[in-house]
Amino acid sequence: MADRTEIDVEDFRRALSCFATGVTVVTTLDARGDKVGITVSSFNSVSLEPPLILWSVGVDSMSYDVFVNAKYFAVHVLALHQQDLSDRFAQSGNNKFESLDCSQGIHGVPILPDFAACLECSTEHVYPGGDHKIIVGRVHHCEGRETDPLIIHRSRFLRKESPS
């Protein structure tokens, strides 16, 4: 069998975009206690017993060092109406938390005021994953709300169909 590791990055990205996924914002505090957040679509459940989730952060992310060293973080599954929040936390260099009335989760981690679900976690493991680090978190508190999630498919946000 031929070695198939030499694939075109754009072809790979296009193929992966066929998988519809939810959009999350992960938040934590840096070493100075400042709020840090990032938009993430690489989120998944791992285990029910114990309750574990995973997500990944790119090594080129400005907040890479903060997240791979964070002891606690929160994953917010965004609601359908929160595309603006996804866009805000996907940018770098701006005050992402400006005008957001966040509460404090475990160990002071910022909790966004609105979400479809929120999982407050401690870091259980950090694994190498190519150009990302895979962060496994143990869930200590979670809340799900009765709202539809924000979903991305083929690099576009999906919209809920109106009833006919």
N, C-alpha and C. Protein backbone atom coordinates (compact mmCIF):
# COMPACT_ATOMS: atom_id res chain seq x y z
N MET A 1 0.84 -1.17 0.00
CA MET A 1 0.00 0.00 0.00
C MET A 1 0.89 1.24 0.00
N ALA A 2 0.54 2.21 -0.82
CA ALA A 2 1.32 3.43 -0.94
C ALA A 2 1.15 4.30 0.31
N ASP A 3 2.19 5.05 0.62
CA ASP A 3 2.13 5.99 1.73
C ASP A 3 1.21 7.15 1.35
N ARG A 4 0.13 7.33 2.09
CA ARG A 4 -0.86 8.36 1.76
C ARG A 4 -0.79 9.54 2.72
N THR A 5 0.36 9.74 3.37
CA THR A 5 0.47 10.86 4.29
C THR A 5 0.70 12.19 3.58
N GLU A 6 1.05 12.15 2.31
CA GLU A 6 1.27 13.36 1.53
C GLU A 6 -0.04 13.80 0.89
N ILE A 7 -0.87 14.50 1.65
CA ILE A 7 -2.13 14.99 1.10
C ILE A 7 -2.14 16.51 1.09
N ASP A 8 -2.92 17.06 0.22
CA ASP A 8 -3.05 18.51 0.11
C ASP A 8 -3.83 19.04 1.32
N VAL A 9 -3.27 20.04 1.98
CA VAL A 9 -3.89 20.60 3.19
C VAL A 9 -5.28 21.14 2.89
N GLU A 10 -5.46 21.80 1.78
CA GLU A 10 -6.78 22.35 1.44
C GLU A 10 -7.80 21.25 1.17
N ASP A 11 -7.37 20.16 0.53
CA ASP A 11 -8.27 19.02 0.32
C ASP A 11 -8.68 18.42 1.67
N PHE A 12 -7.71 18.30 2.56
CA PHE A 12 -7.98 17.76 3.90
C PHE A 12 -8.96 18.66 4.65
N ARG A 13 -8.72 19.97 4.61
CA ARG A 13 -9.60 20.94 5.28
C ARG A 13 -11.02 20.85 4.71
N ARG A 14 -11.13 20.76 3.40
CA ARG A 14 -12.45 20.66 2.74
C ARG A 14 -13.18 19.39 3.16
N ALA A 15 -12.45 18.28 3.22
CA ALA A 15 -13.06 17.01 3.63
C ALA A 15 -13.54 17.09 5.08
N LEU A 16 -12.74 17.67 5.96
CA LEU A 16 -13.14 17.80 7.36
C LEU A 16 -14.35 18.71 7.53
N SER A 17 -14.49 19.70 6.64
CA SER A 17 -15.62 20.63 6.76
C SER A 17 -16.96 19.96 6.44
N CYS A 18 -16.93 18.74 5.91
CA CYS A 18 -18.17 18.01 5.65
C CYS A 18 -18.81 17.51 6.94
N PHE A 19 -18.04 17.49 8.02
CA PHE A 19 -18.55 17.05 9.31
C PHE A 19 -19.14 18.26 10.04
N ALA A 20 -20.45 18.26 10.22
CA ALA A 20 -21.09 19.35 10.95
C ALA A 20 -20.71 19.26 12.42
N THR A 21 -20.40 20.39 13.01
CA THR A 21 -19.97 20.41 14.41
C THR A 21 -20.51 21.64 15.12
N GLY A 22 -20.64 21.52 16.41
CA GLY A 22 -21.02 22.67 17.21
C GLY A 22 -19.86 23.64 17.35
N VAL A 23 -20.18 24.84 17.81
CA VAL A 23 -19.17 25.87 18.02
C VAL A 23 -19.12 26.18 19.51
N THR A 24 -17.91 26.22 20.05
CA THR A 24 -17.73 26.50 21.47
C THR A 24 -16.81 27.68 21.67
N VAL A 25 -16.90 28.28 22.85
CA VAL A 25 -15.91 29.24 23.32
C VAL A 25 -15.36 28.66 24.61
N VAL A 26 -14.02 28.53 24.66
CA VAL A 26 -13.36 28.03 25.86
C VAL A 26 -12.74 29.23 26.57
N THR A 27 -12.96 29.31 27.89
CA THR A 27 -12.43 30.42 28.68
C THR A 27 -11.58 29.91 29.83
N THR A 28 -10.65 30.75 30.27
CA THR A 28 -9.81 30.46 31.43
C THR A 28 -9.25 31.77 31.94
N LEU A 29 -8.35 31.68 32.91
CA LEU A 29 -7.61 32.83 33.41
C LEU A 29 -6.13 32.61 33.15
N ASP A 30 -5.42 33.68 32.77
CA ASP A 30 -3.97 33.53 32.59
C ASP A 30 -3.27 33.65 33.94
N ALA A 31 -1.95 33.61 33.95
CA ALA A 31 -1.17 33.63 35.19
C ALA A 31 -1.39 34.91 35.99
N ARG A 32 -1.75 36.00 35.32
CA ARG A 32 -2.02 37.28 36.01
C ARG A 32 -3.45 37.39 36.48
N GLY A 33 -4.30 36.42 36.11
CA GLY A 33 -5.71 36.47 36.48
C GLY A 33 -6.58 37.16 35.45
N ASP A 34 -6.03 37.45 34.27
CA ASP A 34 -6.81 38.08 33.19
C ASP A 34 -7.62 37.02 32.46
N LYS A 35 -8.80 37.41 32.00
CA LYS A 35 -9.69 36.50 31.26
C LYS A 35 -9.13 36.24 29.86
N VAL A 36 -9.18 34.97 29.46
CA VAL A 36 -8.72 34.55 28.13
C VAL A 36 -9.80 33.66 27.54
N GLY A 37 -10.08 33.83 26.24
CA GLY A 37 -11.08 33.01 25.58
C GLY A 37 -10.75 32.78 24.13
N ILE A 38 -11.26 31.68 23.59
CA ILE A 38 -10.98 31.31 22.20
C ILE A 38 -12.16 30.52 21.65
N THR A 39 -12.46 30.74 20.37
CA THR A 39 -13.50 29.95 19.69
C THR A 39 -12.88 28.62 19.26
N VAL A 40 -13.63 27.54 19.51
CA VAL A 40 -13.13 26.19 19.24
C VAL A 40 -14.25 25.34 18.63
N SER A 41 -13.94 24.62 17.57
CA SER A 41 -14.92 23.67 17.04
C SER A 41 -14.45 22.23 17.24
N SER A 42 -13.22 22.07 17.74
CA SER A 42 -12.68 20.72 17.99
C SER A 42 -12.99 20.29 19.41
N PHE A 43 -14.25 20.00 19.67
CA PHE A 43 -14.73 19.64 21.00
C PHE A 43 -15.45 18.30 20.89
N ASN A 44 -15.26 17.45 21.92
CA ASN A 44 -15.89 16.13 21.88
C ASN A 44 -16.01 15.57 23.30
N SER A 45 -17.01 14.71 23.48
CA SER A 45 -17.09 13.97 24.74
C SER A 45 -16.12 12.81 24.67
N VAL A 46 -15.62 12.38 25.83
CA VAL A 46 -14.68 11.27 25.91
C VAL A 46 -15.27 10.14 26.75
N SER A 47 -15.79 10.49 27.94
CA SER A 47 -16.20 9.47 28.89
C SER A 47 -17.32 10.00 29.78
N LEU A 48 -18.25 9.10 30.14
CA LEU A 48 -19.29 9.46 31.11
C LEU A 48 -18.82 9.18 32.54
N GLU A 49 -18.05 8.10 32.72
CA GLU A 49 -17.55 7.70 34.03
C GLU A 49 -16.05 7.46 33.95
N PRO A 50 -15.21 8.40 34.34
CA PRO A 50 -15.53 9.72 34.86
C PRO A 50 -15.96 10.66 33.73
N PRO A 51 -16.58 11.79 34.07
CA PRO A 51 -17.03 12.73 33.03
C PRO A 51 -15.84 13.49 32.42
N LEU A 52 -15.48 13.12 31.18
CA LEU A 52 -14.33 13.72 30.50
C LEU A 52 -14.74 14.25 29.14
N ILE A 53 -14.14 15.38 28.76
CA ILE A 53 -14.32 15.96 27.42
C ILE A 53 -12.93 16.25 26.86
N LEU A 54 -12.85 16.56 25.57
CA LEU A 54 -11.59 17.01 25.00
C LEU A 54 -11.82 18.11 24.00
N TRP A 55 -10.79 18.89 23.79
CA TRP A 55 -10.77 19.93 22.76
C TRP A 55 -9.31 20.17 22.40
N SER A 56 -9.07 20.89 21.33
CA SER A 56 -7.68 21.12 20.96
C SER A 56 -7.43 22.59 20.65
N VAL A 57 -6.19 23.01 20.92
CA VAL A 57 -5.76 24.37 20.67
C VAL A 57 -4.55 24.33 19.75
N GLY A 58 -4.55 25.19 18.74
CA GLY A 58 -3.45 25.24 17.77
C GLY A 58 -2.20 25.83 18.38
N VAL A 59 -1.04 25.27 18.00
CA VAL A 59 0.23 25.77 18.53
C VAL A 59 0.50 27.20 18.09
N ASP A 60 -0.18 27.66 17.04
CA ASP A 60 0.00 29.04 16.57
C ASP A 60 -0.99 30.02 17.20
N SER A 61 -1.84 29.54 18.09
CA SER A 61 -2.80 30.41 18.76
C SER A 61 -2.08 31.33 19.75
N MET A 62 -2.50 32.59 19.80
CA MET A 62 -1.89 33.54 20.75
C MET A 62 -2.11 33.10 22.20
N SER A 63 -3.17 32.34 22.46
CA SER A 63 -3.45 31.91 23.82
C SER A 63 -3.03 30.45 24.08
N TYR A 64 -2.23 29.90 23.18
CA TYR A 64 -1.77 28.52 23.29
C TYR A 64 -1.14 28.23 24.67
N ASP A 65 -0.14 29.03 25.06
CA ASP A 65 0.56 28.78 26.33
C ASP A 65 -0.39 28.86 27.52
N VAL A 66 -1.33 29.80 27.46
CA VAL A 66 -2.28 29.96 28.56
C VAL A 66 -3.10 28.69 28.72
N PHE A 67 -3.65 28.18 27.62
CA PHE A 67 -4.54 27.03 27.72
C PHE A 67 -3.81 25.72 28.03
N VAL A 68 -2.63 25.51 27.48
CA VAL A 68 -1.93 24.25 27.79
C VAL A 68 -1.43 24.22 29.22
N ASN A 69 -1.33 25.39 29.86
CA ASN A 69 -0.90 25.46 31.25
C ASN A 69 -2.04 25.70 32.23
N ALA A 70 -3.24 25.91 31.72
CA ALA A 70 -4.38 26.20 32.59
C ALA A 70 -4.78 24.98 33.41
N LYS A 71 -5.07 25.20 34.67
CA LYS A 71 -5.54 24.10 35.53
C LYS A 71 -7.05 23.95 35.42
N TYR A 72 -7.74 25.06 35.09
CA TYR A 72 -9.20 25.06 35.00
C TYR A 72 -9.64 25.83 33.76
N PHE A 73 -10.74 25.42 33.19
CA PHE A 73 -11.31 26.11 32.03
C PHE A 73 -12.79 25.78 31.95
N ALA A 74 -13.49 26.55 31.12
CA ALA A 74 -14.91 26.30 30.87
C ALA A 74 -15.14 26.24 29.37
N VAL A 75 -15.94 25.27 28.94
CA VAL A 75 -16.33 25.14 27.54
C VAL A 75 -17.79 25.57 27.44
N HIS A 76 -18.05 26.58 26.60
CA HIS A 76 -19.39 27.07 26.38
C HIS A 76 -19.84 26.64 24.99
N VAL A 77 -20.87 25.81 24.91
CA VAL A 77 -21.47 25.45 23.62
C VAL A 77 -22.36 26.63 23.26
N LEU A 78 -22.06 27.28 22.13
CA LEU A 78 -22.80 28.48 21.76
C LEU A 78 -24.20 28.15 21.26
N ALA A 79 -25.11 29.08 21.51
CA ALA A 79 -26.49 28.95 21.04
C ALA A 79 -26.59 29.48 19.62
N LEU A 80 -27.65 29.09 18.94
CA LEU A 80 -27.86 29.44 17.53
C LEU A 80 -27.70 30.92 17.24
N HIS A 81 -28.12 31.77 18.15
CA HIS A 81 -28.09 33.23 17.93
C HIS A 81 -26.73 33.86 18.28
N GLN A 82 -25.70 33.08 18.56
CA GLN A 82 -24.44 33.62 19.06
C GLN A 82 -23.29 33.62 18.05
N GLN A 83 -23.59 33.74 16.78
CA GLN A 83 -22.53 33.80 15.77
C GLN A 83 -21.59 34.97 16.03
N ASP A 84 -22.14 36.10 16.49
CA ASP A 84 -21.29 37.27 16.77
C ASP A 84 -20.26 36.96 17.86
N LEU A 85 -20.66 36.17 18.85
CA LEU A 85 -19.74 35.79 19.92
C LEU A 85 -18.66 34.83 19.39
N SER A 86 -19.05 33.93 18.51
CA SER A 86 -18.08 33.04 17.88
C SER A 86 -17.05 33.87 17.12
N ASP A 87 -17.52 34.85 16.35
CA ASP A 87 -16.61 35.72 15.58
C ASP A 87 -15.70 36.53 16.51
N ARG A 88 -16.26 37.03 17.60
CA ARG A 88 -15.50 37.85 18.55
C ARG A 88 -14.34 37.06 19.15
N PHE A 89 -14.60 35.83 19.59
CA PHE A 89 -13.58 35.03 20.26
C PHE A 89 -12.65 34.34 19.26
N ALA A 90 -12.98 34.37 17.97
CA ALA A 90 -12.09 33.81 16.95
C ALA A 90 -10.99 34.80 16.57
N GLN A 91 -11.19 36.08 16.89
CA GLN A 91 -10.20 37.11 16.58
C GLN A 91 -9.12 37.13 17.66
N SER A 92 -7.97 37.67 17.29
CA SER A 92 -6.91 37.80 18.29
C SER A 92 -6.62 39.27 18.53
N GLY A 93 -6.13 39.55 19.73
CA GLY A 93 -5.65 40.88 20.03
C GLY A 93 -6.68 41.89 20.50
N ASN A 94 -7.95 41.54 20.55
CA ASN A 94 -8.93 42.52 21.03
C ASN A 94 -9.41 42.13 22.43
N ASN A 95 -10.15 43.04 23.07
CA ASN A 95 -10.70 42.74 24.39
C ASN A 95 -11.98 41.94 24.19
N LYS A 96 -11.86 40.65 24.15
CA LYS A 96 -12.97 39.76 23.82
C LYS A 96 -14.09 39.81 24.87
N PHE A 97 -13.77 40.17 26.10
CA PHE A 97 -14.74 40.14 27.19
C PHE A 97 -15.43 41.49 27.42
N GLU A 98 -15.04 42.49 26.62
CA GLU A 98 -15.62 43.82 26.79
C GLU A 98 -17.14 43.77 26.66
N SER A 99 -17.82 44.37 27.59
CA SER A 99 -19.29 44.48 27.67
C SER A 99 -19.99 43.15 27.93
N LEU A 100 -19.25 42.09 28.27
CA LEU A 100 -19.88 40.82 28.64
C LEU A 100 -19.93 40.72 30.16
N ASP A 101 -21.10 40.46 30.68
CA ASP A 101 -21.29 40.35 32.13
C ASP A 101 -21.07 38.89 32.55
N CYS A 102 -19.79 38.51 32.63
CA CYS A 102 -19.44 37.13 32.97
C CYS A 102 -19.57 36.90 34.48
N SER A 103 -19.93 35.69 34.83
CA SER A 103 -19.89 35.28 36.23
C SER A 103 -18.59 34.49 36.42
N GLN A 104 -18.35 34.06 37.66
CA GLN A 104 -17.15 33.29 37.94
C GLN A 104 -17.50 31.84 38.20
N GLY A 105 -16.79 30.95 37.50
CA GLY A 105 -16.95 29.53 37.71
C GLY A 105 -15.89 29.03 38.68
N ILE A 106 -15.59 27.73 38.59
CA ILE A 106 -14.61 27.15 39.50
C ILE A 106 -13.26 27.87 39.35
N HIS A 107 -12.69 28.22 40.48
CA HIS A 107 -11.41 28.91 40.55
C HIS A 107 -11.39 30.20 39.74
N GLY A 108 -12.54 30.87 39.64
CA GLY A 108 -12.62 32.18 39.01
C GLY A 108 -12.71 32.19 37.50
N VAL A 109 -12.77 31.03 36.87
CA VAL A 109 -12.84 30.96 35.40
C VAL A 109 -14.08 31.72 34.93
N PRO A 110 -13.92 32.58 33.91
CA PRO A 110 -15.07 33.35 33.44
C PRO A 110 -16.13 32.47 32.76
N ILE A 111 -17.38 32.70 33.15
CA ILE A 111 -18.52 31.99 32.56
C ILE A 111 -19.33 33.02 31.79
N LEU A 112 -19.52 32.77 30.50
CA LEU A 112 -20.27 33.69 29.66
C LEU A 112 -21.72 33.76 30.14
N PRO A 113 -22.39 34.90 29.92
CA PRO A 113 -23.75 35.05 30.41
C PRO A 113 -24.79 34.23 29.65
N ASP A 114 -24.48 33.84 28.43
CA ASP A 114 -25.45 33.11 27.61
C ASP A 114 -24.74 31.97 26.90
N PHE A 115 -25.41 30.83 26.77
CA PHE A 115 -24.84 29.65 26.11
C PHE A 115 -25.93 28.60 25.97
N ALA A 116 -25.69 27.60 25.14
CA ALA A 116 -26.58 26.44 25.05
C ALA A 116 -26.21 25.45 26.16
N ALA A 117 -24.90 25.33 26.43
CA ALA A 117 -24.41 24.48 27.50
C ALA A 117 -23.08 25.02 27.98
N CYS A 118 -22.77 24.74 29.23
CA CYS A 118 -21.48 25.14 29.79
C CYS A 118 -20.94 23.99 30.64
N LEU A 119 -19.67 23.65 30.42
CA LEU A 119 -19.01 22.59 31.18
C LEU A 119 -17.78 23.19 31.85
N GLU A 120 -17.75 23.16 33.17
CA GLU A 120 -16.62 23.68 33.93
C GLU A 120 -15.70 22.51 34.26
N CYS A 121 -14.42 22.67 33.91
CA CYS A 121 -13.49 21.54 33.93
C CYS A 121 -12.17 21.86 34.59
N SER A 122 -11.49 20.80 35.02
CA SER A 122 -10.07 20.87 35.37
C SER A 122 -9.32 20.09 34.30
N THR A 123 -8.10 20.51 34.04
CA THR A 123 -7.29 19.82 33.03
C THR A 123 -6.81 18.49 33.58
N GLU A 124 -7.15 17.42 32.86
CA GLU A 124 -6.78 16.06 33.26
C GLU A 124 -5.50 15.63 32.54
N HIS A 125 -5.42 15.90 31.23
CA HIS A 125 -4.26 15.52 30.42
C HIS A 125 -4.09 16.53 29.29
N VAL A 126 -2.85 16.68 28.82
CA VAL A 126 -2.55 17.45 27.61
C VAL A 126 -1.66 16.56 26.75
N TYR A 127 -2.12 16.30 25.53
CA TYR A 127 -1.40 15.40 24.62
C TYR A 127 -0.96 16.14 23.36
N PRO A 128 0.19 15.74 22.79
CA PRO A 128 0.56 16.30 21.50
C PRO A 128 -0.39 15.80 20.42
N GLY A 129 -0.70 16.67 19.47
CA GLY A 129 -1.57 16.30 18.36
C GLY A 129 -1.18 17.05 17.10
N GLY A 130 0.03 16.81 16.60
CA GLY A 130 0.47 17.50 15.39
C GLY A 130 0.63 18.99 15.66
N ASP A 131 -0.09 19.82 14.88
CA ASP A 131 0.00 21.26 15.06
C ASP A 131 -0.97 21.79 16.12
N HIS A 132 -1.48 20.88 16.96
CA HIS A 132 -2.37 21.23 18.07
C HIS A 132 -1.93 20.47 19.32
N LYS A 133 -2.44 20.90 20.46
CA LYS A 133 -2.38 20.12 21.69
C LYS A 133 -3.81 19.72 22.01
N ILE A 134 -3.98 18.49 22.42
CA ILE A 134 -5.29 17.96 22.79
C ILE A 134 -5.41 18.06 24.31
N ILE A 135 -6.44 18.77 24.74
CA ILE A 135 -6.65 18.99 26.17
C ILE A 135 -7.85 18.18 26.62
N VAL A 136 -7.62 17.29 27.58
CA VAL A 136 -8.70 16.48 28.15
C VAL A 136 -9.07 17.10 29.49
N GLY A 137 -10.35 17.37 29.66
CA GLY A 137 -10.82 17.98 30.89
C GLY A 137 -11.78 17.10 31.65
N ARG A 138 -11.69 17.15 32.98
CA ARG A 138 -12.65 16.47 33.85
C ARG A 138 -13.74 17.49 34.18
N VAL A 139 -14.97 17.12 33.90
CA VAL A 139 -16.10 18.03 34.13
C VAL A 139 -16.50 17.98 35.60
N HIS A 140 -16.55 19.17 36.22
CA HIS A 140 -16.94 19.28 37.63
C HIS A 140 -18.34 19.87 37.78
N HIS A 141 -18.77 20.63 36.80
CA HIS A 141 -20.11 21.22 36.84
C HIS A 141 -20.55 21.43 35.39
N CYS A 142 -21.81 21.17 35.12
CA CYS A 142 -22.32 21.41 33.77
C CYS A 142 -23.75 21.90 33.83
N GLU A 143 -24.11 22.66 32.80
CA GLU A 143 -25.47 23.16 32.67
C GLU A 143 -25.83 23.16 31.19
N GLY A 144 -26.99 22.61 30.88
CA GLY A 144 -27.52 22.65 29.52
C GLY A 144 -28.82 23.43 29.53
N ARG A 145 -29.05 24.21 28.50
CA ARG A 145 -30.25 25.03 28.41
C ARG A 145 -31.08 24.60 27.21
N GLU A 146 -32.34 24.90 27.25
CA GLU A 146 -33.28 24.54 26.17
C GLU A 146 -33.19 25.54 25.02
N THR A 147 -32.11 25.47 24.26
CA THR A 147 -31.92 26.33 23.10
C THR A 147 -31.13 25.56 22.06
N ASP A 148 -31.31 25.90 20.81
CA ASP A 148 -30.60 25.22 19.73
C ASP A 148 -29.15 25.69 19.67
N PRO A 149 -28.21 24.79 19.35
CA PRO A 149 -26.80 25.15 19.29
C PRO A 149 -26.43 25.80 17.95
N LEU A 150 -25.33 26.54 17.98
CA LEU A 150 -24.73 27.09 16.77
C LEU A 150 -23.93 25.97 16.11
N ILE A 151 -24.17 25.74 14.82
CA ILE A 151 -23.52 24.63 14.11
C ILE A 151 -22.83 25.17 12.87
N ILE A 152 -21.63 24.62 12.61
CA ILE A 152 -20.89 24.99 11.41
C ILE A 152 -20.71 23.76 10.53
N HIS A 153 -20.89 23.96 9.22
CA HIS A 153 -20.79 22.88 8.25
C HIS A 153 -20.28 23.48 6.95
N ARG A 154 -19.27 22.87 6.37
CA ARG A 154 -18.64 23.37 5.14
C ARG A 154 -18.23 24.84 5.29
N SER A 155 -17.67 25.14 6.47
CA SER A 155 -17.15 26.46 6.80
C SER A 155 -18.22 27.56 6.83
N ARG A 156 -19.48 27.15 6.98
CA ARG A 156 -20.58 28.12 7.09
C ARG A 156 -21.44 27.77 8.29
N PHE A 157 -22.01 28.79 8.91
CA PHE A 157 -22.94 28.56 10.00
C PHE A 157 -24.26 28.10 9.42
N LEU A 158 -24.84 27.07 10.02
CA LEU A 158 -26.15 26.59 9.59
C LEU A 158 -27.24 27.39 10.25
N ARG A 159 -28.29 27.64 9.54
CA ARG A 159 -29.45 28.36 10.05
C ARG A 159 -30.60 27.40 10.21
N LYS A 160 -31.37 27.61 11.23
CA LYS A 160 -32.55 26.78 11.48
C LYS A 160 -33.60 27.12 10.43
N GLU A 161 -34.17 26.07 9.84
CA GLU A 161 -35.25 26.26 8.87
C GLU A 161 -36.50 26.74 9.57
N SER A 162 -37.18 27.72 8.98
CA SER A 162 -38.46 28.14 9.57
C SER A 162 -39.54 27.13 9.25
N PRO A 163 -40.46 26.95 10.20
CA PRO A 163 -41.54 25.99 9.95
C PRO A 163 -42.41 26.44 8.79
N SER A 164 -42.89 25.49 7.97
CA SER A 164 -43.71 25.88 6.81
C SER A 164 -45.16 26.00 7.19
